[in-house]
């Protein structure tokens, strides 16, 4: 068995990490377990310990490209949803979330 030396990012980039877990806990009162193995942006299954949400730590180029696309897509989706009548997130908060996602996308691209 070949050992993969790269640090990857999970396929569901924006649904991972402490922030997402905190939303789940505050919404449902449940604490989800961290997975032992995750599917990555490049399609591999690797130990959770070999993944990172910090762009500077991700060394797998296909994972970085995947995370870049996911973050840009999230930014576009937030902006689109915020313009709909009765949007649950005010425009200024949506704009801030989109800026954050685009900044993260830039960090994954660079």
C-alpha atoms as a PDB file:
ATOM      1  CA  UNK A   1       0.000   0.000   0.000  1.00  0.00           C
ATOM      2  CA  UNK A   2       1.399   3.375  -1.055  1.00  0.00           C
ATOM      3  CA  UNK A   3       1.334   6.164   1.517  1.00  0.00           C
ATOM      4  CA  UNK A   4      -0.065   9.460   0.215  1.00  0.00           C
ATOM      5  CA  UNK A   5       2.115  12.297   1.546  1.00  0.00           C
ATOM      6  CA  UNK A   6      -0.350  15.057   0.628  1.00  0.00           C
ATOM      7  CA  UNK A   7      -2.691  17.004   2.839  1.00  0.00           C
ATOM      8  CA  UNK A   8      -6.141  17.090   1.271  1.00  0.00           C
ATOM      9  CA  UNK A   9      -9.409  18.935   1.727  1.00  0.00           C
ATOM     10  CA  UNK A  10     -12.710  17.172   2.253  1.00  0.00           C
ATOM     11  CA  UNK A  11     -15.130  17.071  -0.676  1.00  0.00           C
ATOM     12  CA  UNK A  12     -17.664  19.134   1.281  1.00  0.00           C
ATOM     13  CA  UNK A  13     -15.256  21.953   2.043  1.00  0.00           C
ATOM     14  CA  UNK A  14     -17.721  24.336   3.652  1.00  0.00           C
ATOM     15  CA  UNK A  15     -19.481  21.620   5.642  1.00  0.00           C
ATOM     16  CA  UNK A  16     -16.473  20.648   7.670  1.00  0.00           C
ATOM     17  CA  UNK A  17     -14.629  21.931  10.663  1.00  0.00           C
ATOM     18  CA  UNK A  18     -15.516  23.503  13.975  1.00  0.00           C
ATOM     19  CA  UNK A  19     -17.720  26.304  12.612  1.00  0.00           C
ATOM     20  CA  UNK A  20     -20.032  23.884  10.820  1.00  0.00           C
ATOM     21  CA  UNK A  21     -20.108  21.555  13.826  1.00  0.00           C
ATOM     22  CA  UNK A  22     -21.059  24.502  16.065  1.00  0.00           C
ATOM     23  CA  UNK A  23     -23.989  25.359  13.793  1.00  0.00           C
ATOM     24  CA  UNK A  24     -25.225  21.761  14.030  1.00  0.00           C
ATOM     25  CA  UNK A  25     -24.854  21.768  17.810  1.00  0.00           C
ATOM     26  CA  UNK A  26     -26.651  25.098  18.242  1.00  0.00           C
ATOM     27  CA  UNK A  27     -29.417  24.136  15.794  1.00  0.00           C
ATOM     28  CA  UNK A  28     -30.125  20.565  16.839  1.00  0.00           C
ATOM     29  CA  UNK A  29     -28.368  20.045  20.151  1.00  0.00           C
ATOM     30  CA  UNK A  30     -26.431  17.149  18.642  1.00  0.00           C
ATOM     31  CA  UNK A  31     -22.686  16.790  18.501  1.00  0.00           C
ATOM     32  CA  UNK A  32     -21.670  15.008  15.283  1.00  0.00           C
ATOM     33  CA  UNK A  33     -18.698  12.680  15.411  1.00  0.00           C
ATOM     34  CA  UNK A  34     -15.693  13.514  13.315  1.00  0.00           C
ATOM     35  CA  UNK A  35     -15.298  10.906  10.590  1.00  0.00           C
ATOM     36  CA  UNK A  36     -12.223   8.689  10.659  1.00  0.00           C
ATOM     37  CA  UNK A  37     -12.018   8.614   6.843  1.00  0.00           C
ATOM     38  CA  UNK A  38     -13.228  11.303   4.432  1.00  0.00           C
ATOM     39  CA  UNK A  39     -13.689  11.556   0.694  1.00  0.00           C
ATOM     40  CA  UNK A  40     -11.528  14.377  -0.570  1.00  0.00           C
ATOM     41  CA  UNK A  41     -11.915  16.977  -3.267  1.00  0.00           C
ATOM     42  CA  UNK A  42      -9.701  14.885  -5.532  1.00  0.00           C
ATOM     43  CA  UNK A  43     -11.829  11.777  -4.962  1.00  0.00           C
ATOM     44  CA  UNK A  44      -9.528   9.812  -2.666  1.00  0.00           C
ATOM     45  CA  UNK A  45     -10.551   8.469   0.700  1.00  0.00           C
ATOM     46  CA  UNK A  46      -8.002   9.445   3.310  1.00  0.00           C
ATOM     47  CA  UNK A  47      -7.805   9.552   7.108  1.00  0.00           C
ATOM     48  CA  UNK A  48      -9.482  12.670   8.515  1.00  0.00           C
ATOM     49  CA  UNK A  49      -6.117  13.591  10.050  1.00  0.00           C
ATOM     50  CA  UNK A  50      -4.694  14.032   6.524  1.00  0.00           C
ATOM     51  CA  UNK A  51      -7.147  16.834   5.698  1.00  0.00           C
ATOM     52  CA  UNK A  52      -7.163  20.519   6.473  1.00  0.00           C
ATOM     53  CA  UNK A  53      -9.477  23.479   6.019  1.00  0.00           C
ATOM     54  CA  UNK A  54      -6.542  25.895   5.982  1.00  0.00           C
ATOM     55  CA  UNK A  55      -5.605  26.569   2.350  1.00  0.00           C
ATOM     56  CA  UNK A  56      -1.962  27.046   3.316  1.00  0.00           C
ATOM     57  CA  UNK A  57      -1.831  23.474   4.631  1.00  0.00           C
ATOM     58  CA  UNK A  58      -3.446  21.710   1.657  1.00  0.00           C
ATOM     59  CA  UNK A  59      -0.742  20.267  -0.601  1.00  0.00           C
ATOM     60  CA  UNK A  60      -2.910  18.297  -3.049  1.00  0.00           C
ATOM     61  CA  UNK A  61      -3.377  20.470  -6.156  1.00  0.00           C
ATOM     62  CA  UNK A  62      -6.649  18.844  -7.312  1.00  0.00           C
ATOM     63  CA  UNK A  63      -8.071  19.353  -3.795  1.00  0.00           C
ATOM     64  CA  UNK A  64      -7.028  23.011  -3.846  1.00  0.00           C
ATOM     65  CA  UNK A  65      -8.749  23.456  -7.222  1.00  0.00           C
ATOM     66  CA  UNK A  66     -11.884  21.726  -5.917  1.00  0.00           C
ATOM     67  CA  UNK A  67     -11.987  23.931  -2.806  1.00  0.00           C
ATOM     68  CA  UNK A  68     -11.507  27.045  -4.953  1.00  0.00           C
ATOM     69  CA  UNK A  69     -14.519  26.135  -7.113  1.00  0.00           C
ATOM     70  CA  UNK A  70     -16.665  25.209  -4.098  1.00  0.00           C
ATOM     71  CA  UNK A  71     -15.964  28.497  -2.327  1.00  0.00           C
ATOM     72  CA  UNK A  72     -16.742  30.548  -5.438  1.00  0.00           C
ATOM     73  CA  UNK A  73     -19.970  28.605  -5.949  1.00  0.00           C
ATOM     74  CA  UNK A  74     -20.978  29.215  -2.341  1.00  0.00           C
ATOM     75  CA  UNK A  75     -20.353  32.961  -2.715  1.00  0.00           C
ATOM     76  CA  UNK A  76     -22.535  33.104  -5.826  1.00  0.00           C
ATOM     77  CA  UNK A  77     -25.283  31.075  -4.171  1.00  0.00           C
ATOM     78  CA  UNK A  78     -25.347  33.290  -1.061  1.00  0.00           C
ATOM     79  CA  UNK A  79     -25.583  36.428  -3.175  1.00  0.00           C
ATOM     80  CA  UNK A  80     -28.323  34.956  -5.358  1.00  0.00           C
ATOM     81  CA  UNK A  81     -30.381  33.787  -2.367  1.00  0.00           C
ATOM     82  CA  UNK A  82     -30.006  37.111  -0.560  1.00  0.00           C
ATOM     83  CA  UNK A  83     -31.682  38.912  -3.479  1.00  0.00           C
ATOM     84  CA  UNK A  84     -34.805  36.755  -3.287  1.00  0.00           C
ATOM     85  CA  UNK A  85     -37.915  38.166  -1.598  1.00  0.00           C
ATOM     86  CA  UNK A  86     -38.079  37.129   2.055  1.00  0.00           C
ATOM     87  CA  UNK A  87     -34.427  36.097   2.161  1.00  0.00           C
ATOM     88  CA  UNK A  88     -33.480  34.855   5.642  1.00  0.00           C
ATOM     89  CA  UNK A  89     -30.120  36.649   5.519  1.00  0.00           C
ATOM     90  CA  UNK A  90     -29.936  40.428   5.138  1.00  0.00           C
ATOM     91  CA  UNK A  91     -27.999  41.745   2.146  1.00  0.00           C
ATOM     92  CA  UNK A  92     -25.107  43.106   4.220  1.00  0.00           C
ATOM     93  CA  UNK A  93     -24.582  39.757   5.960  1.00  0.00           C
ATOM     94  CA  UNK A  94     -24.814  37.917   2.653  1.00  0.00           C
ATOM     95  CA  UNK A  95     -22.249  40.289   1.130  1.00  0.00           C
ATOM     96  CA  UNK A  96     -19.890  39.643   4.050  1.00  0.00           C
ATOM     97  CA  UNK A  97     -20.327  35.859   3.702  1.00  0.00           C
ATOM     98  CA  UNK A  98     -19.660  36.114  -0.047  1.00  0.00           C
ATOM     99  CA  UNK A  99     -16.515  38.203   0.586  1.00  0.00           C
ATOM    100  CA  UNK A 100     -15.312  35.628   3.119  1.00  0.00           C
ATOM    101  CA  UNK A 101     -15.903  32.752   0.668  1.00  0.00           C
ATOM    102  CA  UNK A 102     -14.167  34.583  -2.192  1.00  0.00           C
ATOM    103  CA  UNK A 103     -11.199  35.340   0.061  1.00  0.00           C
ATOM    104  CA  UNK A 104     -10.990  31.654   1.002  1.00  0.00           C
ATOM    105  CA  UNK A 105     -11.234  30.725  -2.694  1.00  0.00           C
ATOM    106  CA  UNK A 106      -8.345  33.099  -3.474  1.00  0.00           C
ATOM    107  CA  UNK A 107      -6.252  31.485  -0.746  1.00  0.00           C
ATOM    108  CA  UNK A 108      -6.910  28.016  -2.187  1.00  0.00           C
ATOM    109  CA  UNK A 109      -6.044  29.249  -5.701  1.00  0.00           C
ATOM    110  CA  UNK A 110      -2.779  30.901  -4.679  1.00  0.00           C
END
